[in-house]
Amino acid sequence: MVKNEPIALDTNIVIDVLNNKKRIVESLQDYRKIYLPITVCGELLLGAKNSARREANEQQFRQFIQACVVLNINELVAEEYAKIRKALKDKGSPLPENDIWIAATCLANDLPLVTHDRHFE
């Protein structure tokens, strides 16, 4: 990935950024635009609501979300979702539903996804 190109972040990377994991924070510093699939936003907010520090985490997540460009689901994303879901079904390789939506959002918007999850490769 070229540093001045836009990127999308998966939930696990956002958590690392918010936990100030130095290696992750430093690797993302020079990107000009950071995108978040709407599904990532939902996962973050759910995590906050389920946490012991609900209000603090929710506020922190909302601030981070506001600093990024949020990618909503649209017809192109839905098309990509259907292609991915069908291909995975045909291969017998299920993935978590949210991860399929995240992948579809990134493909439809031609954005690389930064994640720790190997199944996105």
PDB file of N, CA and C in Angstrom:
ATOM      1  N   MET A   1       0.841  -1.191   0.000  1.00  0.00           N
ATOM      2  CA  MET A   1       0.000   0.000   0.000  1.00  0.00           C
ATOM      3  C   MET A   1       0.878   1.244   0.000  1.00  0.00           C
ATOM      4  N   VAL A   2       0.487   2.202  -0.807  1.00  0.00           N
ATOM      5  CA  VAL A   2       1.198   3.467  -0.900  1.00  0.00           C
ATOM      6  C   VAL A   2       0.644   4.401   0.166  1.00  0.00           C
ATOM      7  N   LYS A   3       1.523   5.052   0.885  1.00  0.00           N
ATOM      8  CA  LYS A   3       1.113   5.857   2.040  1.00  0.00           C
ATOM      9  C   LYS A   3       0.118   6.963   1.715  1.00  0.00           C
ATOM     10  N   ASN A   4       0.174   7.547   0.528  1.00  0.00           N
ATOM     11  CA  ASN A   4      -0.761   8.647   0.253  1.00  0.00           C
ATOM     12  C   ASN A   4      -2.083   8.167  -0.329  1.00  0.00           C
ATOM     13  N   GLU A   5      -2.237   6.870  -0.468  1.00  0.00           N
ATOM     14  CA  GLU A   5      -3.487   6.307  -0.968  1.00  0.00           C
ATOM     15  C   GLU A   5      -4.463   6.102   0.188  1.00  0.00           C
ATOM     16  N   PRO A   6      -5.760   6.143  -0.098  1.00  0.00           N
ATOM     17  CA  PRO A   6      -6.741   5.883   0.964  1.00  0.00           C
ATOM     18  C   PRO A   6      -6.766   4.397   1.328  1.00  0.00           C
ATOM     19  N   ILE A   7      -7.161   4.114   2.564  1.00  0.00           N
ATOM     20  CA  ILE A   7      -7.272   2.740   3.047  1.00  0.00           C
ATOM     21  C   ILE A   7      -8.540   2.602   3.882  1.00  0.00           C
ATOM     22  N   ALA A   8      -8.970   1.369   4.051  1.00  0.00           N
ATOM     23  CA  ALA A   8     -10.092   1.063   4.944  1.00  0.00           C
ATOM     24  C   ALA A   8      -9.546   0.236   6.104  1.00  0.00           C
ATOM     25  N   LEU A   9     -10.143   0.425   7.271  1.00  0.00           N
ATOM     26  CA  LEU A   9      -9.704  -0.302   8.457  1.00  0.00           C
ATOM     27  C   LEU A   9     -10.765  -1.291   8.914  1.00  0.00           C
ATOM     28  N   ASP A  10     -10.291  -2.449   9.335  1.00  0.00           N
ATOM     29  CA  ASP A  10     -11.159  -3.445   9.953  1.00  0.00           C
ATOM     30  C   ASP A  10     -11.260  -3.129  11.446  1.00  0.00           C
ATOM     31  N   THR A  11     -12.232  -3.703  12.086  1.00  0.00           N
ATOM     32  CA  THR A  11     -12.497  -3.441  13.501  1.00  0.00           C
ATOM     33  C   THR A  11     -11.277  -3.705  14.376  1.00  0.00           C
ATOM     34  N   ASN A  12     -10.572  -4.804  14.127  1.00  0.00           N
ATOM     35  CA  ASN A  12      -9.435  -5.140  14.986  1.00  0.00           C
ATOM     36  C   ASN A  12      -8.313  -4.108  14.886  1.00  0.00           C
ATOM     37  N   ILE A  13      -8.154  -3.473  13.742  1.00  0.00           N
ATOM     38  CA  ILE A  13      -7.135  -2.431  13.581  1.00  0.00           C
ATOM     39  C   ILE A  13      -7.563  -1.168  14.315  1.00  0.00           C
ATOM     40  N   VAL A  14      -8.836  -0.809  14.214  1.00  0.00           N
ATOM     41  CA  VAL A  14      -9.334   0.371  14.938  1.00  0.00           C
ATOM     42  C   VAL A  14      -9.109   0.189  16.436  1.00  0.00           C
ATOM     43  N   ILE A  15      -9.395  -0.995  16.948  1.00  0.00           N
ATOM     44  CA  ILE A  15      -9.186  -1.274  18.374  1.00  0.00           C
ATOM     45  C   ILE A  15      -7.709  -1.082  18.729  1.00  0.00           C
ATOM     46  N   ASP A  16      -6.818  -1.580  17.876  1.00  0.00           N
ATOM     47  CA  ASP A  16      -5.382  -1.400  18.120  1.00  0.00           C
ATOM     48  C   ASP A  16      -4.995   0.076  18.131  1.00  0.00           C
ATOM     49  N   VAL A  17      -5.547   0.846  17.203  1.00  0.00           N
ATOM     50  CA  VAL A  17      -5.264   2.286  17.157  1.00  0.00           C
ATOM     51  C   VAL A  17      -5.739   2.941  18.447  1.00  0.00           C
ATOM     52  N   LEU A  18      -6.958   2.633  18.852  1.00  0.00           N
ATOM     53  CA  LEU A  18      -7.520   3.252  20.051  1.00  0.00           C
ATOM     54  C   LEU A  18      -6.826   2.782  21.332  1.00  0.00           C
ATOM     55  N   ASN A  19      -6.219   1.610  21.285  1.00  0.00           N
ATOM     56  CA  ASN A  19      -5.421   1.129  22.414  1.00  0.00           C
ATOM     57  C   ASN A  19      -3.969   1.590  22.307  1.00  0.00           C
ATOM     58  N   ASN A  20      -3.715   2.447  21.312  1.00  0.00           N
ATOM     59  CA  ASN A  20      -2.409   3.075  21.105  1.00  0.00           C
ATOM     60  C   ASN A  20      -1.284   2.065  20.892  1.00  0.00           C
ATOM     61  N   LYS A  21      -1.577   1.022  20.111  1.00  0.00           N
ATOM     62  CA  LYS A  21      -0.535   0.054  19.755  1.00  0.00           C
ATOM     63  C   LYS A  21       0.436   0.759  18.807  1.00  0.00           C
ATOM     64  N   LYS A  22       1.620   1.004  19.296  1.00  0.00           N
ATOM     65  CA  LYS A  22       2.588   1.864  18.611  1.00  0.00           C
ATOM     66  C   LYS A  22       2.843   1.456  17.158  1.00  0.00           C
ATOM     67  N   ARG A  23       3.088   0.187  16.928  1.00  0.00           N
ATOM     68  CA  ARG A  23       3.400  -0.284  15.572  1.00  0.00           C
ATOM     69  C   ARG A  23       2.258   0.018  14.602  1.00  0.00           C
ATOM     70  N   ILE A  24       1.037  -0.192  15.033  1.00  0.00           N
ATOM     71  CA  ILE A  24      -0.125   0.050  14.177  1.00  0.00           C
ATOM     72  C   ILE A  24      -0.322   1.546  13.961  1.00  0.00           C
ATOM     73  N   VAL A  25      -0.270   2.312  15.031  1.00  0.00           N
ATOM     74  CA  VAL A  25      -0.459   3.766  14.933  1.00  0.00           C
ATOM     75  C   VAL A  25       0.577   4.364  13.990  1.00  0.00           C
ATOM     76  N   GLU A  26       1.831   3.990  14.152  1.00  0.00           N
ATOM     77  CA  GLU A  26       2.894   4.525  13.293  1.00  0.00           C
ATOM     78  C   GLU A  26       2.702   4.125  11.839  1.00  0.00           C
ATOM     79  N   SER A  27       2.251   2.913  11.594  1.00  0.00           N
ATOM     80  CA  SER A  27       2.089   2.453  10.210  1.00  0.00           C
ATOM     81  C   SER A  27       0.944   3.165   9.486  1.00  0.00           C
ATOM     82  N   LEU A  28       0.021   3.756  10.238  1.00  0.00           N
ATOM     83  CA  LEU A  28      -1.136   4.420   9.624  1.00  0.00           C
ATOM     84  C   LEU A  28      -1.009   5.941   9.567  1.00  0.00           C
ATOM     85  N   GLN A  29       0.004   6.507  10.197  1.00  0.00           N
ATOM     86  CA  GLN A  29       0.116   7.956  10.339  1.00  0.00           C
ATOM     87  C   GLN A  29       0.093   8.737   9.033  1.00  0.00           C
ATOM     88  N   ASP A  30       0.703   8.217   8.000  1.00  0.00           N
ATOM     89  CA  ASP A  30       0.871   8.997   6.777  1.00  0.00           C
ATOM     90  C   ASP A  30      -0.230   8.820   5.737  1.00  0.00           C
ATOM     91  N   TYR A  31      -1.225   8.021   6.037  1.00  0.00           N
ATOM     92  CA  TYR A  31      -2.303   7.849   5.064  1.00  0.00           C
ATOM     93  C   TYR A  31      -3.178   9.086   5.038  1.00  0.00           C
ATOM     94  N   ARG A  32      -3.495   9.548   3.830  1.00  0.00           N
ATOM     95  CA  ARG A  32      -4.226  10.816   3.710  1.00  0.00           C
ATOM     96  C   ARG A  32      -5.701  10.679   4.052  1.00  0.00           C
ATOM     97  N   LYS A  33      -6.278   9.524   3.812  1.00  0.00           N
ATOM     98  CA  LYS A  33      -7.689   9.303   4.128  1.00  0.00           C
ATOM     99  C   LYS A  33      -7.870   7.906   4.666  1.00  0.00           C
ATOM    100  N   ILE A  34      -8.658   7.825   5.720  1.00  0.00           N
ATOM    101  CA  ILE A  34      -8.979   6.522   6.292  1.00  0.00           C
ATOM    102  C   ILE A  34     -10.490   6.332   6.223  1.00  0.00           C
ATOM    103  N   TYR A  35     -10.873   5.201   5.662  1.00  0.00           N
ATOM    104  CA  TYR A  35     -12.282   4.858   5.490  1.00  0.00           C
ATOM    105  C   TYR A  35     -12.664   3.749   6.462  1.00  0.00           C
ATOM    106  N   LEU A  36     -13.932   3.779   6.864  1.00  0.00           N
ATOM    107  CA  LEU A  36     -14.493   2.722   7.702  1.00  0.00           C
ATOM    108  C   LEU A  36     -15.767   2.194   7.056  1.00  0.00           C
ATOM    109  N   PRO A  37     -15.817   0.909   6.730  1.00  0.00           N
ATOM    110  CA  PRO A  37     -17.091   0.340   6.304  1.00  0.00           C
ATOM    111  C   PRO A  37     -18.114   0.494   7.436  1.00  0.00           C
ATOM    112  N   ILE A  38     -19.350   0.771   7.093  1.00  0.00           N
ATOM    113  CA  ILE A  38     -20.396   0.980   8.102  1.00  0.00           C
ATOM    114  C   ILE A  38     -20.506  -0.227   9.039  1.00  0.00           C
ATOM    115  N   THR A  39     -20.206  -1.403   8.540  1.00  0.00           N
ATOM    116  CA  THR A  39     -20.250  -2.608   9.366  1.00  0.00           C
ATOM    117  C   THR A  39     -19.219  -2.539  10.491  1.00  0.00           C
ATOM    118  N   VAL A  40     -18.053  -1.970  10.202  1.00  0.00           N
ATOM    119  CA  VAL A  40     -17.029  -1.780  11.236  1.00  0.00           C
ATOM    120  C   VAL A  40     -17.557  -0.831  12.310  1.00  0.00           C
ATOM    121  N   CYS A  41     -18.231   0.230  11.883  1.00  0.00           N
ATOM    122  CA  CYS A  41     -18.816   1.175  12.849  1.00  0.00           C
ATOM    123  C   CYS A  41     -19.796   0.454  13.770  1.00  0.00           C
ATOM    124  N   GLY A  42     -20.629  -0.390  13.200  1.00  0.00           N
ATOM    125  CA  GLY A  42     -21.590  -1.150  13.999  1.00  0.00           C
ATOM    126  C   GLY A  42     -20.909  -2.088  14.977  1.00  0.00           C
ATOM    127  N   GLU A  43     -19.849  -2.761  14.528  1.00  0.00           N
ATOM    128  CA  GLU A  43     -19.120  -3.659  15.426  1.00  0.00           C
ATOM    129  C   GLU A  43     -18.477  -2.884  16.580  1.00  0.00           C
ATOM    130  N   LEU A  44     -17.930  -1.712  16.280  1.00  0.00           N
ATOM    131  CA  LEU A  44     -17.322  -0.886  17.329  1.00  0.00           C
ATOM    132  C   LEU A  44     -18.355  -0.464  18.365  1.00  0.00           C
ATOM    133  N   LEU A  45     -19.485   0.033  17.886  1.00  0.00           N
ATOM    134  CA  LEU A  45     -20.515   0.514  18.811  1.00  0.00           C
ATOM    135  C   LEU A  45     -21.120  -0.627  19.626  1.00  0.00           C
ATOM    136  N   LEU A  46     -21.275  -1.790  19.018  1.00  0.00           N
ATOM    137  CA  LEU A  46     -21.742  -2.960  19.770  1.00  0.00           C
ATOM    138  C   LEU A  46     -20.733  -3.332  20.852  1.00  0.00           C
ATOM    139  N   GLY A  47     -19.459  -3.314  20.488  1.00  0.00           N
ATOM    140  CA  GLY A  47     -18.418  -3.606  21.468  1.00  0.00           C
ATOM    141  C   GLY A  47     -18.464  -2.645  22.643  1.00  0.00           C
ATOM    142  N   ALA A  48     -18.700  -1.374  22.354  1.00  0.00           N
ATOM    143  CA  ALA A  48     -18.796  -0.374  23.427  1.00  0.00           C
ATOM    144  C   ALA A  48     -19.986  -0.677  24.326  1.00  0.00           C
ATOM    145  N   LYS A  49     -21.124  -0.988  23.726  1.00  0.00           N
ATOM    146  CA  LYS A  49     -22.333  -1.258  24.508  1.00  0.00           C
ATOM    147  C   LYS A  49     -22.186  -2.508  25.379  1.00  0.00           C
ATOM    148  N   ASN A  50     -21.347  -3.437  24.952  1.00  0.00           N
ATOM    149  CA  ASN A  50     -21.127  -4.669  25.714  1.00  0.00           C
ATOM    150  C   ASN A  50     -19.974  -4.568  26.709  1.00  0.00           C
ATOM    151  N   SER A  51     -19.297  -3.435  26.744  1.00  0.00           N
ATOM    152  CA  SER A  51     -18.104  -3.320  27.582  1.00  0.00           C
ATOM    153  C   SER A  51     -18.426  -2.802  28.980  1.00  0.00           C
ATOM    154  N   ALA A  52     -17.492  -3.013  29.878  1.00  0.00           N
ATOM    155  CA  ALA A  52     -17.637  -2.506  31.247  1.00  0.00           C
ATOM    156  C   ALA A  52     -17.532  -0.984  31.277  1.00  0.00           C
ATOM    157  N   ARG A  53     -16.811  -0.417  30.322  1.00  0.00           N
ATOM    158  CA  ARG A  53     -16.636   1.039  30.237  1.00  0.00           C
ATOM    159  C   ARG A  53     -17.484   1.582  29.087  1.00  0.00           C
ATOM    160  N   ARG A  54     -18.749   1.294  29.122  1.00  0.00           N
ATOM    161  CA  ARG A  54     -19.652   1.578  28.010  1.00  0.00           C
ATOM    162  C   ARG A  54     -19.584   3.029  27.529  1.00  0.00           C
ATOM    163  N   GLU A  55     -19.810   3.982  28.412  1.00  0.00           N
ATOM    164  CA  GLU A  55     -19.870   5.387  27.991  1.00  0.00           C
ATOM    165  C   GLU A  55     -18.539   5.880  27.454  1.00  0.00           C
ATOM    166  N   ALA A  56     -17.453   5.567  28.142  1.00  0.00           N
ATOM    167  CA  ALA A  56     -16.127   6.018  27.705  1.00  0.00           C
ATOM    168  C   ALA A  56     -15.767   5.415  26.355  1.00  0.00           C
ATOM    169  N   ASN A  57     -16.007   4.114  26.197  1.00  0.00           N
ATOM    170  CA  ASN A  57     -15.688   3.461  24.928  1.00  0.00           C
ATOM    171  C   ASN A  57     -16.567   3.975  23.798  1.00  0.00           C
ATOM    172  N   GLU A  58     -17.846   4.161  24.086  1.00  0.00           N
ATOM    173  CA  GLU A  58     -18.750   4.653  23.047  1.00  0.00           C
ATOM    174  C   GLU A  58     -18.317   6.047  22.580  1.00  0.00           C
ATOM    175  N   GLN A  59     -17.950   6.902  23.503  1.00  0.00           N
ATOM    176  CA  GLN A  59     -17.493   8.246  23.142  1.00  0.00           C
ATOM    177  C   GLN A  59     -16.209   8.174  22.309  1.00  0.00           C
ATOM    178  N   GLN A  60     -15.275   7.337  22.733  1.00  0.00           N
ATOM    179  CA  GLN A  60     -14.018   7.187  22.007  1.00  0.00           C
ATOM    180  C   GLN A  60     -14.264   6.645  20.596  1.00  0.00           C
ATOM    181  N   PHE A  61     -15.122   5.640  20.475  1.00  0.00           N
ATOM    182  CA  PHE A  61     -15.422   5.060  19.165  1.00  0.00           C
ATOM    183  C   PHE A  61     -16.111   6.079  18.263  1.00  0.00           C
ATOM    184  N   ARG A  62     -17.068   6.824  18.810  1.00  0.00           N
ATOM    185  CA  ARG A  62     -17.777   7.825  18.006  1.00  0.00           C
ATOM    186  C   ARG A  62     -16.829   8.916  17.508  1.00  0.00           C
ATOM    187  N   GLN A  63     -15.903   9.342  18.335  1.00  0.00           N
ATOM    188  CA  GLN A  63     -14.927  10.348  17.911  1.00  0.00           C
ATOM    189  C   GLN A  63     -14.062   9.810  16.778  1.00  0.00           C
ATOM    190  N   PHE A  64     -13.640   8.563  16.896  1.00  0.00           N
ATOM    191  CA  PHE A  64     -12.823   7.967  15.842  1.00  0.00           C
ATOM    192  C   PHE A  64     -13.620   7.854  14.551  1.00  0.00           C
ATOM    193  N   ILE A  65     -14.844   7.390  14.656  1.00  0.00           N
ATOM    194  CA  ILE A  65     -15.704   7.244  13.478  1.00  0.00           C
ATOM    195  C   ILE A  65     -15.885   8.590  12.783  1.00  0.00           C
ATOM    196  N   GLN A  66     -16.101   9.647  13.550  1.00  0.00           N
ATOM    197  CA  GLN A  66     -16.302  10.979  12.969  1.00  0.00           C
ATOM    198  C   GLN A  66     -15.054  11.493  12.255  1.00  0.00           C
ATOM    199  N   ALA A  67     -13.880  11.021  12.658  1.00  0.00           N
ATOM    200  CA  ALA A  67     -12.632  11.457  12.034  1.00  0.00           C
ATOM    201  C   ALA A  67     -12.349  10.715  10.726  1.00  0.00           C
ATOM    202  N   CYS A  68     -13.132   9.696  10.433  1.00  0.00           N
ATOM    203  CA  CYS A  68     -12.937   8.883   9.227  1.00  0.00           C
ATOM    204  C   CYS A  68     -14.062   9.140   8.232  1.00  0.00           C
ATOM    205  N   VAL A  69     -13.897   8.588   7.049  1.00  0.00           N
ATOM    206  CA  VAL A  69     -14.960   8.615   6.046  1.00  0.00           C
ATOM    207  C   VAL A  69     -15.703   7.286   6.158  1.00  0.00           C
ATOM    208  N   VAL A  70     -16.996   7.350   6.435  1.00  0.00           N
ATOM    209  CA  VAL A  70     -17.796   6.133   6.603  1.00  0.00           C
ATOM    210  C   VAL A  70     -18.363   5.710   5.250  1.00  0.00           C
ATOM    211  N   LEU A  71     -18.182   4.441   4.933  1.00  0.00           N
ATOM    212  CA  LEU A  71     -18.682   3.870   3.677  1.00  0.00           C
ATOM    213  C   LEU A  71     -19.972   3.114   3.946  1.00  0.00           C
ATOM    214  N   ASN A  72     -21.040   3.573   3.350  1.00  0.00           N
ATOM    215  CA  ASN A  72     -22.339   2.936   3.535  1.00  0.00           C
ATOM    216  C   ASN A  72     -22.550   1.817   2.528  1.00  0.00           C
ATOM    217  N   ILE A  73     -23.539   1.014   2.793  1.00  0.00           N
ATOM    218  CA  ILE A  73     -23.904  -0.064   1.880  1.00  0.00           C
ATOM    219  C   ILE A  73     -24.793   0.516   0.789  1.00  0.00           C
ATOM    220  N   ASN A  74     -24.466   0.183  -0.447  1.00  0.00           N
ATOM    221  CA  ASN A  74     -25.254   0.640  -1.590  1.00  0.00           C
ATOM    222  C   ASN A  74     -25.395  -0.530  -2.571  1.00  0.00           C
ATOM    223  N   GLU A  75     -25.905  -0.245  -3.745  1.00  0.00           N
ATOM    224  CA  GLU A  75     -26.155  -1.315  -4.714  1.00  0.00           C
ATOM    225  C   GLU A  75     -24.870  -2.018  -5.154  1.00  0.00           C
ATOM    226  N   LEU A  76     -23.785  -1.260  -5.351  1.00  0.00           N
ATOM    227  CA  LEU A  76     -22.511  -1.878  -5.741  1.00  0.00           C
ATOM    228  C   LEU A  76     -21.987  -2.805  -4.646  1.00  0.00           C
ATOM    229  N   VAL A  77     -22.116  -2.368  -3.411  1.00  0.00           N
ATOM    230  CA  VAL A  77     -21.688  -3.195  -2.280  1.00  0.00           C
ATOM    231  C   VAL A  77     -22.537  -4.464  -2.221  1.00  0.00           C
ATOM    232  N   ALA A  78     -23.836  -4.320  -2.429  1.00  0.00           N
ATOM    233  CA  ALA A  78     -24.735  -5.478  -2.410  1.00  0.00           C
ATOM    234  C   ALA A  78     -24.357  -6.486  -3.498  1.00  0.00           C
ATOM    235  N   GLU A  79     -23.987  -5.993  -4.675  1.00  0.00           N
ATOM    236  CA  GLU A  79     -23.550  -6.883  -5.765  1.00  0.00           C
ATOM    237  C   GLU A  79     -22.291  -7.649  -5.370  1.00  0.00           C
ATOM    238  N   GLU A  80     -21.321  -6.943  -4.807  1.00  0.00           N
ATOM    239  CA  GLU A  80     -20.083  -7.589  -4.367  1.00  0.00           C
ATOM    240  C   GLU A  80     -20.365  -8.612  -3.271  1.00  0.00           C
ATOM    241  N   TYR A  81     -21.248  -8.243  -2.348  1.00  0.00           N
ATOM    242  CA  TYR A  81     -21.627  -9.154  -1.268  1.00  0.00           C
ATOM    243  C   TYR A  81     -22.175 -10.463  -1.857  1.00  0.00           C
ATOM    244  N   ALA A  82     -23.084 -10.338  -2.812  1.00  0.00           N
ATOM    245  CA  ALA A  82     -23.703 -11.525  -3.414  1.00  0.00           C
ATOM    246  C   ALA A  82     -22.653 -12.403  -4.096  1.00  0.00           C
ATOM    247  N   LYS A  83     -21.707 -11.785  -4.809  1.00  0.00           N
ATOM    248  CA  LYS A  83     -20.644 -12.544  -5.481  1.00  0.00           C
ATOM    249  C   LYS A  83     -19.777 -13.295  -4.463  1.00  0.00           C
ATOM    250  N   ILE A  84     -19.368 -12.585  -3.426  1.00  0.00           N
ATOM    251  CA  ILE A  84     -18.498 -13.195  -2.410  1.00  0.00           C
ATOM    252  C   ILE A  84     -19.229 -14.324  -1.694  1.00  0.00           C
ATOM    253  N   ARG A  85     -20.447 -14.052  -1.285  1.00  0.00           N
ATOM    254  CA  ARG A  85     -21.241 -15.042  -0.526  1.00  0.00           C
ATOM    255  C   ARG A  85     -21.444 -16.307  -1.347  1.00  0.00           C
ATOM    256  N   LYS A  86     -21.757 -16.136  -2.634  1.00  0.00           N
ATOM    257  CA  LYS A  86     -21.967 -17.281  -3.533  1.00  0.00           C
ATOM    258  C   LYS A  86     -20.671 -18.066  -3.706  1.00  0.00           C
ATOM    259  N   ALA A  87     -19.564 -17.363  -3.936  1.00  0.00           N
ATOM    260  CA  ALA A  87     -18.275 -18.043  -4.116  1.00  0.00           C
ATOM    261  C   ALA A  87     -17.884 -18.825  -2.860  1.00  0.00           C
ATOM    262  N   LEU A  88     -18.108 -18.238  -1.700  1.00  0.00           N
ATOM    263  CA  LEU A  88     -17.785 -18.925  -0.446  1.00  0.00           C
ATOM    264  C   LEU A  88     -18.682 -20.143  -0.234  1.00  0.00           C
ATOM    265  N   LYS A  89     -19.955 -19.997  -0.580  1.00  0.00           N
ATOM    266  CA  LYS A  89     -20.895 -21.119  -0.450  1.00  0.00           C
ATOM    267  C   LYS A  89     -20.475 -22.263  -1.364  1.00  0.00           C
ATOM    268  N   ASP A  90     -20.117 -21.920  -2.609  1.00  0.00           N
ATOM    269  CA  ASP A  90     -19.700 -22.940  -3.571  1.00  0.00           C
ATOM    270  C   ASP A  90     -18.439 -23.674  -3.112  1.00  0.00           C
ATOM    271  N   LYS A  91     -17.542 -22.960  -2.438  1.00  0.00           N
ATOM    272  CA  LYS A  91     -16.299 -23.559  -1.946  1.00  0.00           C
ATOM    273  C   LYS A  91     -16.478 -24.250  -0.601  1.00  0.00           C
ATOM    274  N   GLY A  92     -17.626 -24.023   0.038  1.00  0.00           N
ATOM    275  CA  GLY A  92     -17.830 -24.577   1.371  1.00  0.00           C
ATOM    276  C   GLY A  92     -16.957 -23.902   2.413  1.00  0.00           C
ATOM    277  N   SER A  93     -16.691 -22.632   2.195  1.00  0.00           N
ATOM    278  CA  SER A  93     -15.820 -21.864   3.099  1.00  0.00           C
ATOM    279  C   SER A  93     -16.585 -20.710   3.723  1.00  0.00           C
ATOM    280  N   PRO A  94     -17.338 -20.977   4.769  1.00  0.00           N
ATOM    281  CA  PRO A  94     -18.112 -19.887   5.369  1.00  0.00           C
ATOM    282  C   PRO A  94     -17.212 -18.875   6.080  1.00  0.00           C
ATOM    283  N   LEU A  95     -17.656 -17.652   6.093  1.00  0.00           N
ATOM    284  CA  LEU A  95     -16.994 -16.564   6.826  1.00  0.00           C
ATOM    285  C   LEU A  95     -18.043 -15.869   7.673  1.00  0.00           C
ATOM    286  N   PRO A  96     -17.616 -15.160   8.711  1.00  0.00           N
ATOM    287  CA  PRO A  96     -18.591 -14.370   9.467  1.00  0.00           C
ATOM    288  C   PRO A  96     -19.305 -13.375   8.548  1.00  0.00           C
ATOM    289  N   GLU A  97     -20.597 -13.266   8.715  1.00  0.00           N
ATOM    290  CA  GLU A  97     -21.429 -12.418   7.850  1.00  0.00           C
ATOM    291  C   GLU A  97     -20.898 -10.983   7.768  1.00  0.00           C
ATOM    292  N   ASN A  98     -20.538 -10.415   8.912  1.00  0.00           N
ATOM    293  CA  ASN A  98     -20.043  -9.037   8.895  1.00  0.00           C
ATOM    294  C   ASN A  98     -18.778  -8.901   8.063  1.00  0.00           C
ATOM    295  N   ASP A  99     -17.916  -9.906   8.096  1.00  0.00           N
ATOM    296  CA  ASP A  99     -16.681  -9.839   7.318  1.00  0.00           C
ATOM    297  C   ASP A  99     -16.958  -9.862   5.818  1.00  0.00           C
ATOM    298  N   ILE A 100     -18.005 -10.543   5.421  1.00  0.00           N
ATOM    299  CA  ILE A 100     -18.378 -10.537   3.998  1.00  0.00           C
ATOM    300  C   ILE A 100     -18.818  -9.135   3.594  1.00  0.00           C
ATOM    301  N   TRP A 101     -19.612  -8.485   4.445  1.00  0.00           N
ATOM    302  CA  TRP A 101     -20.036  -7.108   4.149  1.00  0.00           C
ATOM    303  C   TRP A 101     -18.843  -6.159   4.109  1.00  0.00           C
ATOM    304  N   ILE A 102     -17.894  -6.334   5.014  1.00  0.00           N
ATOM    305  CA  ILE A 102     -16.697  -5.482   5.032  1.00  0.00           C
ATOM    306  C   ILE A 102     -15.902  -5.681   3.745  1.00  0.00           C
ATOM    307  N   ALA A 103     -15.693  -6.926   3.355  1.00  0.00           N
ATOM    308  CA  ALA A 103     -14.967  -7.215   2.115  1.00  0.00           C
ATOM    309  C   ALA A 103     -15.694  -6.630   0.911  1.00  0.00           C
ATOM    310  N   ALA A 104     -16.996  -6.802   0.861  1.00  0.00           N
ATOM    311  CA  ALA A 104     -17.788  -6.281  -0.259  1.00  0.00           C
ATOM    312  C   ALA A 104     -17.695  -4.764  -0.339  1.00  0.00           C
ATOM    313  N   THR A 105     -17.727  -4.104   0.804  1.00  0.00           N
ATOM    314  CA  THR A 105     -17.635  -2.646   0.838  1.00  0.00           C
ATOM    315  C   THR A 105     -16.285  -2.187   0.300  1.00  0.00           C
ATOM    316  N   CYS A 106     -15.228  -2.858   0.700  1.00  0.00           N
ATOM    317  CA  CYS A 106     -13.891  -2.483   0.228  1.00  0.00           C
ATOM    318  C   CYS A 106     -13.726  -2.757  -1.263  1.00  0.00           C
ATOM    319  N   LEU A 107     -14.204  -3.893  -1.727  1.00  0.00           N
ATOM    320  CA  LEU A 107     -14.109  -4.204  -3.158  1.00  0.00           C
ATOM    321  C   LEU A 107     -14.907  -3.216  -4.002  1.00  0.00           C
ATOM    322  N   ALA A 108     -16.108  -2.897  -3.575  1.00  0.00           N
ATOM    323  CA  ALA A 108     -16.958  -1.972  -4.333  1.00  0.00           C
ATOM    324  C   ALA A 108     -16.360  -0.572  -4.393  1.00  0.00           C
ATOM    325  N   ASN A 109     -15.574  -0.219  -3.392  1.00  0.00           N
ATOM    326  CA  ASN A 109     -14.968   1.112  -3.338  1.00  0.00           C
ATOM    327  C   ASN A 109     -13.490   1.102  -3.715  1.00  0.00           C
ATOM    328  N   ASP A 110     -13.005  -0.049  -4.178  1.00  0.00           N
ATOM    329  CA  ASP A 110     -11.617  -0.211  -4.622  1.00  0.00           C
ATOM    330  C   ASP A 110     -10.621   0.257  -3.557  1.00  0.00           C
ATOM    331  N   LEU A 111     -10.827  -0.214  -2.337  1.00  0.00           N
ATOM    332  CA  LEU A 111      -9.972   0.173  -1.216  1.00  0.00           C
ATOM    333  C   LEU A 111      -9.308  -1.050  -0.596  1.00  0.00           C
ATOM    334  N   PRO A 112      -8.015  -0.948  -0.296  1.00  0.00           N
ATOM    335  CA  PRO A 112      -7.381  -2.033   0.451  1.00  0.00           C
ATOM    336  C   PRO A 112      -7.858  -2.011   1.898  1.00  0.00           C
ATOM    337  N   LEU A 113      -7.990  -3.184   2.483  1.00  0.00           N
ATOM    338  CA  LEU A 113      -8.431  -3.314   3.868  1.00  0.00           C
ATOM    339  C   LEU A 113      -7.240  -3.672   4.744  1.00  0.00           C
ATOM    340  N   VAL A 114      -7.049  -2.911   5.803  1.00  0.00           N
ATOM    341  CA  VAL A 114      -6.012  -3.222   6.784  1.00  0.00           C
ATOM    342  C   VAL A 114      -6.682  -4.015   7.899  1.00  0.00           C
ATOM    343  N   THR A 115      -6.207  -5.233   8.120  1.00  0.00           N
ATOM    344  CA  THR A 115      -6.826  -6.140   9.087  1.00  0.00           C
ATOM    345  C   THR A 115      -5.798  -7.133   9.605  1.00  0.00           C
ATOM    346  N   HIS A 116      -6.101  -7.742  10.726  1.00  0.00           N
ATOM    347  CA  HIS A 116      -5.295  -8.854  11.235  1.00  0.00           C
ATOM    348  C   HIS A 116      -5.881 -10.192  10.779  1.00  0.00           C
ATOM    349  N   ASP A 117      -7.094 -10.192  10.265  1.00  0.00           N
ATOM    350  CA  ASP A 117      -7.783 -11.429   9.887  1.00  0.00           C
ATOM    351  C   ASP A 117      -7.227 -11.992   8.584  1.00  0.00           C
ATOM    352  N   ARG A 118      -6.706 -13.195   8.647  1.00  0.00           N
ATOM    353  CA  ARG A 118      -6.093 -13.819   7.469  1.00  0.00           C
ATOM    354  C   ARG A 118      -7.114 -14.214   6.397  1.00  0.00           C
ATOM    355  N   HIS A 119      -8.360 -14.438   6.791  1.00  0.00           N
ATOM    356  CA  HIS A 119      -9.332 -14.889   5.792  1.00  0.00           C
ATOM    357  C   HIS A 119      -9.683 -13.806   4.767  1.00  0.00           C
ATOM    358  N   PHE A 120      -9.198 -12.586   4.952  1.00  0.00           N
ATOM    359  CA  PHE A 120      -9.423 -11.542   3.947  1.00  0.00           C
ATOM    360  C   PHE A 120      -8.404 -11.600   2.810  1.00  0.00           C
ATOM    361  N   GLU A 121      -7.358 -12.399   2.953  1.00  0.00           N
ATOM    362  CA  GLU A 121      -6.283 -12.422   1.946  1.00  0.00           C
ATOM    363  C   GLU A 121      -6.738 -12.911   0.597  1.00  0.00           C
TER     364      GLU A 121
END
